[in-house]
Amino acid sequence: METLALEPQVLANRHGVAFGLVHQNVTVDCVITLAALETYFWLEPRASDARILKTFRDGYGRIRAIAGRKLLAHPAARLELTAEDFARP
């Protein structure tokens, strides 16, 4: 089971949210782009850091599930989730 390892934080360039995910006893550095949060989690453009983090936390279950699936398919030490990762085929 994947769990949140590090407190999420908005990247300095405001292009995403960085967080750590423990996957198979290894911490993976992850980023979800703001574009993904805006497209699939209803984050409004130019939102405050507090609003970005709230949106991330509200959608964390789904974010964790997608990250876990992506890591199973392609194990990595660093993972970036984009809007394409949340699109349904």
Protein backbone atom coordinates (compact mmCIF):
# COMPACT_ATOMS: atom_id res chain seq x y z
CA MET A 1 0.00 0.00 0.00
CA GLU A 2 1.23 3.47 -0.83
CA THR A 3 1.32 6.13 1.86
CA LEU A 4 2.22 9.81 1.95
CA ALA A 5 5.82 10.08 3.15
CA LEU A 6 6.50 13.81 3.04
CA GLU A 7 4.28 16.83 3.55
CA PRO A 8 3.12 18.11 0.15
CA GLN A 9 4.38 21.51 -0.94
CA VAL A 10 3.81 23.79 -3.88
CA LEU A 11 6.90 23.97 -6.11
CA ALA A 12 8.77 27.28 -6.12
CA ASN A 13 7.99 27.71 -9.83
CA ARG A 14 4.28 27.01 -9.08
CA HIS A 15 4.06 24.34 -11.77
CA GLY A 16 3.03 21.56 -9.41
CA VAL A 17 2.85 20.01 -5.97
CA ALA A 18 5.77 17.91 -4.72
CA PHE A 19 5.12 15.02 -2.35
CA GLY A 20 6.79 11.79 -1.30
CA LEU A 21 5.07 8.45 -1.63
CA VAL A 22 6.19 5.25 0.04
CA HIS A 23 5.81 2.48 -2.51
CA GLN A 24 7.09 -1.03 -1.75
CA ASN A 25 9.11 0.31 1.21
CA VAL A 26 10.88 2.92 -0.94
CA THR A 27 10.16 6.65 -0.87
CA VAL A 28 9.48 8.00 -4.34
CA ASP A 29 9.68 11.75 -5.05
CA CYS A 30 6.49 12.70 -6.85
CA VAL A 31 5.09 15.81 -8.51
CA ILE A 32 1.58 16.41 -9.77
CA THR A 33 1.32 19.29 -12.20
CA LEU A 34 -1.01 22.21 -11.56
CA ALA A 35 -2.45 21.55 -15.02
CA ALA A 36 -3.58 18.11 -13.81
CA LEU A 37 -5.10 19.60 -10.66
CA GLU A 38 -6.89 22.26 -12.71
CA THR A 39 -8.18 19.79 -15.31
CA TYR A 40 -9.20 16.84 -13.13
CA PHE A 41 -9.60 18.24 -9.60
CA TRP A 42 -11.36 21.55 -10.29
CA LEU A 43 -8.54 23.79 -9.08
CA GLU A 44 -9.14 27.33 -10.26
CA PRO A 45 -6.32 29.01 -12.26
CA ARG A 46 -3.97 31.24 -10.24
CA ALA A 47 -5.17 29.72 -6.96
CA SER A 48 -3.35 30.48 -3.70
CA ASP A 49 -0.90 27.97 -2.26
CA ALA A 50 -3.40 27.13 0.48
CA ARG A 51 -6.11 26.37 -2.09
CA ILE A 52 -3.69 24.29 -4.19
CA LEU A 53 -2.75 22.18 -1.17
CA LYS A 54 -6.40 21.75 -0.15
CA THR A 55 -7.28 20.56 -3.64
CA PHE A 56 -4.32 18.15 -3.55
CA ARG A 57 -5.40 16.74 -0.17
CA ASP A 58 -9.04 16.43 -1.27
CA GLY A 59 -7.98 14.42 -4.33
CA TYR A 60 -5.17 12.50 -2.68
CA GLY A 61 -6.91 9.12 -2.82
CA ARG A 62 -7.21 9.28 -6.59
CA ILE A 63 -3.74 10.82 -6.97
CA ARG A 64 -2.23 8.02 -4.88
CA ALA A 65 -4.06 5.36 -6.91
CA ILE A 66 -2.82 6.74 -10.25
CA ALA A 67 0.72 7.15 -8.90
CA GLY A 68 0.70 3.57 -7.59
CA ARG A 69 -0.44 2.19 -10.95
CA LYS A 70 2.16 4.22 -12.81
CA LEU A 71 4.90 3.01 -10.46
CA LEU A 72 3.86 -0.62 -10.89
CA ALA A 73 4.04 -0.25 -14.68
CA HIS A 74 7.28 1.78 -14.67
CA PRO A 75 9.24 1.67 -11.38
CA ALA A 76 11.18 4.90 -10.81
CA ALA A 77 12.79 6.98 -8.07
CA ARG A 78 10.97 10.10 -9.32
CA LEU A 79 7.47 10.34 -10.73
CA GLU A 80 5.64 13.17 -12.46
CA LEU A 81 1.87 13.00 -12.83
CA THR A 82 0.39 15.06 -15.64
CA ALA A 83 -3.14 15.59 -16.89
CA GLU A 84 -2.64 12.74 -19.37
CA ASP A 85 -2.21 10.30 -16.47
CA PHE A 86 -5.77 11.05 -15.31
CA ALA A 87 -7.44 10.92 -18.74
CA ARG A 88 -9.69 7.93 -19.28
CA PRO A 89 -9.04 5.96 -22.46
